[in-house]
Amino acid sequence: MARQSPTDVKIDFLVKEIKELRAETKNLRADINKGKGAIWILIVLASAVGGIYNYFNS
């Protein structure tokens, strides 16, 4: 195996780190989208419960 120059080692390290950051970003986006969906469902359920309560209370 040929010996790499210090610049090549640094470039390889940076490429590896960028790939890891991309993977982490994808995971974070997926988690955020799940959270948005959960909030939407909770708002719909709360609206339904509030509507039913007002219907029977009046």
N, C-alpha and C. Protein backbone atom coordinates (compact mmCIF):
# COMPACT_ATOMS: atom_id res chain seq x y z
N MET A 1 0.85 -1.18 0.00
CA MET A 1 0.00 0.00 0.00
C MET A 1 0.90 1.25 0.00
N ALA A 2 0.61 2.16 -0.88
CA ALA A 2 1.40 3.38 -1.00
C ALA A 2 1.11 4.30 0.18
N ARG A 3 2.14 4.99 0.59
CA ARG A 3 2.00 5.91 1.72
C ARG A 3 1.29 7.18 1.24
N GLN A 4 0.29 7.63 2.00
CA GLN A 4 -0.47 8.82 1.62
C GLN A 4 0.21 10.07 2.18
N SER A 5 0.03 11.14 1.44
CA SER A 5 0.56 12.40 1.93
C SER A 5 -0.39 12.94 3.01
N PRO A 6 0.10 13.84 3.85
CA PRO A 6 -0.77 14.40 4.89
C PRO A 6 -2.02 15.08 4.33
N THR A 7 -1.89 15.66 3.17
CA THR A 7 -3.05 16.30 2.55
C THR A 7 -4.09 15.27 2.16
N ASP A 8 -3.66 14.14 1.61
CA ASP A 8 -4.60 13.08 1.24
C ASP A 8 -5.30 12.51 2.46
N VAL A 9 -4.57 12.38 3.55
CA VAL A 9 -5.16 11.87 4.80
C VAL A 9 -6.24 12.84 5.29
N LYS A 10 -5.94 14.12 5.25
CA LYS A 10 -6.92 15.13 5.69
C LYS A 10 -8.15 15.14 4.79
N ILE A 11 -7.95 15.01 3.50
CA ILE A 11 -9.08 15.00 2.55
C ILE A 11 -9.94 13.78 2.80
N ASP A 12 -9.32 12.60 2.99
CA ASP A 12 -10.08 11.39 3.28
C ASP A 12 -10.89 11.54 4.56
N PHE A 13 -10.28 12.14 5.58
CA PHE A 13 -10.97 12.37 6.84
C PHE A 13 -12.17 13.30 6.65
N LEU A 14 -11.98 14.38 5.90
CA LEU A 14 -13.06 15.33 5.67
C LEU A 14 -14.20 14.69 4.88
N VAL A 15 -13.87 13.87 3.89
CA VAL A 15 -14.90 13.19 3.11
C VAL A 15 -15.72 12.26 4.00
N LYS A 16 -15.03 11.53 4.88
CA LYS A 16 -15.71 10.63 5.82
C LYS A 16 -16.64 11.41 6.74
N GLU A 17 -16.17 12.52 7.27
CA GLU A 17 -16.98 13.34 8.17
C GLU A 17 -18.21 13.91 7.44
N ILE A 18 -18.05 14.34 6.22
CA ILE A 18 -19.18 14.89 5.45
C ILE A 18 -20.23 13.81 5.23
N LYS A 19 -19.79 12.59 4.93
CA LYS A 19 -20.75 11.49 4.74
C LYS A 19 -21.52 11.22 6.02
N GLU A 20 -20.84 11.25 7.17
CA GLU A 20 -21.50 11.05 8.45
C GLU A 20 -22.51 12.17 8.74
N LEU A 21 -22.13 13.40 8.43
CA LEU A 21 -23.04 14.53 8.66
C LEU A 21 -24.28 14.42 7.78
N ARG A 22 -24.12 13.96 6.55
CA ARG A 22 -25.27 13.78 5.67
C ARG A 22 -26.23 12.74 6.23
N ALA A 23 -25.67 11.64 6.75
CA ALA A 23 -26.51 10.59 7.33
C ALA A 23 -27.25 11.12 8.56
N GLU A 24 -26.56 11.87 9.40
CA GLU A 24 -27.19 12.45 10.59
C GLU A 24 -28.29 13.43 10.20
N THR A 25 -28.05 14.22 9.17
CA THR A 25 -29.04 15.18 8.70
C THR A 25 -30.30 14.47 8.22
N LYS A 26 -30.12 13.37 7.49
CA LYS A 26 -31.28 12.60 7.03
C LYS A 26 -32.08 12.07 8.21
N ASN A 27 -31.39 11.57 9.23
CA ASN A 27 -32.08 11.05 10.41
C ASN A 27 -32.82 12.15 11.15
N LEU A 28 -32.21 13.31 11.27
CA LEU A 28 -32.86 14.43 11.95
C LEU A 28 -34.10 14.88 11.19
N ARG A 29 -34.02 14.94 9.87
CA ARG A 29 -35.18 15.33 9.08
C ARG A 29 -36.30 14.33 9.24
N ALA A 30 -35.99 13.05 9.28
CA ALA A 30 -37.01 12.02 9.47
C ALA A 30 -37.67 12.17 10.84
N ASP A 31 -36.88 12.44 11.86
CA ASP A 31 -37.44 12.63 13.21
C ASP A 31 -38.33 13.87 13.26
N ILE A 32 -37.93 14.93 12.62
CA ILE A 32 -38.74 16.16 12.60
C ILE A 32 -40.06 15.91 11.89
N ASN A 33 -40.03 15.19 10.78
CA ASN A 33 -41.26 14.89 10.06
C ASN A 33 -42.20 14.02 10.89
N LYS A 34 -41.65 13.08 11.65
CA LYS A 34 -42.48 12.26 12.53
C LYS A 34 -43.13 13.14 13.60
N GLY A 35 -42.37 14.07 14.13
CA GLY A 35 -42.90 14.98 15.15
C GLY A 35 -44.02 15.85 14.60
N LYS A 36 -43.84 16.34 13.37
CA LYS A 36 -44.89 17.15 12.75
C LYS A 36 -46.16 16.34 12.57
N GLY A 37 -46.03 15.09 12.16
CA GLY A 37 -47.19 14.22 11.99
C GLY A 37 -47.90 13.96 13.31
N ALA A 38 -47.13 13.75 14.36
CA ALA A 38 -47.71 13.50 15.68
C ALA A 38 -48.47 14.73 16.17
N ILE A 39 -47.91 15.90 15.97
CA ILE A 39 -48.59 17.14 16.39
C ILE A 39 -49.88 17.32 15.60
N TRP A 40 -49.85 17.03 14.31
CA TRP A 40 -51.05 17.17 13.48
C TRP A 40 -52.14 16.23 13.98
N ILE A 41 -51.78 15.00 14.29
CA ILE A 41 -52.77 14.04 14.79
C ILE A 41 -53.34 14.49 16.13
N LEU A 42 -52.50 15.00 17.01
CA LEU A 42 -52.98 15.48 18.32
C LEU A 42 -53.93 16.65 18.16
N ILE A 43 -53.66 17.55 17.23
CA ILE A 43 -54.54 18.70 17.01
C ILE A 43 -55.89 18.23 16.47
N VAL A 44 -55.89 17.27 15.56
CA VAL A 44 -57.14 16.75 15.01
C VAL A 44 -57.95 16.07 16.10
N LEU A 45 -57.30 15.26 16.93
CA LEU A 45 -58.02 14.59 18.02
C LEU A 45 -58.58 15.58 19.03
N ALA A 46 -57.80 16.59 19.36
CA ALA A 46 -58.27 17.61 20.31
C ALA A 46 -59.45 18.38 19.73
N SER A 47 -59.42 18.66 18.45
CA SER A 47 -60.54 19.36 17.81
C SER A 47 -61.80 18.49 17.82
N ALA A 48 -61.63 17.21 17.55
CA ALA A 48 -62.77 16.30 17.55
C ALA A 48 -63.37 16.18 18.95
N VAL A 49 -62.53 16.05 19.95
CA VAL A 49 -63.02 15.94 21.33
C VAL A 49 -63.70 17.24 21.74
N GLY A 50 -63.14 18.37 21.40
CA GLY A 50 -63.75 19.66 21.71
C GLY A 50 -65.07 19.84 21.02
N GLY A 51 -65.17 19.41 19.77
CA GLY A 51 -66.44 19.51 19.04
C GLY A 51 -67.51 18.63 19.63
N ILE A 52 -67.15 17.41 19.98
CA ILE A 52 -68.11 16.50 20.59
C ILE A 52 -68.57 17.04 21.95
N TYR A 53 -67.64 17.54 22.73
CA TYR A 53 -67.98 18.10 24.04
C TYR A 53 -68.95 19.27 23.89
N ASN A 54 -68.68 20.18 22.97
CA ASN A 54 -69.56 21.33 22.76
C ASN A 54 -70.92 20.90 22.23
N TYR A 55 -70.97 19.86 21.41
CA TYR A 55 -72.23 19.39 20.84
C TYR A 55 -73.14 18.86 21.96
N PHE A 56 -72.59 18.06 22.86
CA PHE A 56 -73.39 17.48 23.95
C PHE A 56 -73.61 18.45 25.10
N ASN A 57 -72.78 19.45 25.22
CA ASN A 57 -72.90 20.41 26.31
C ASN A 57 -73.95 21.48 26.02
N SER A 58 -74.26 21.71 24.74
CA SER A 58 -75.22 22.77 24.43
C SER A 58 -76.63 22.30 24.40
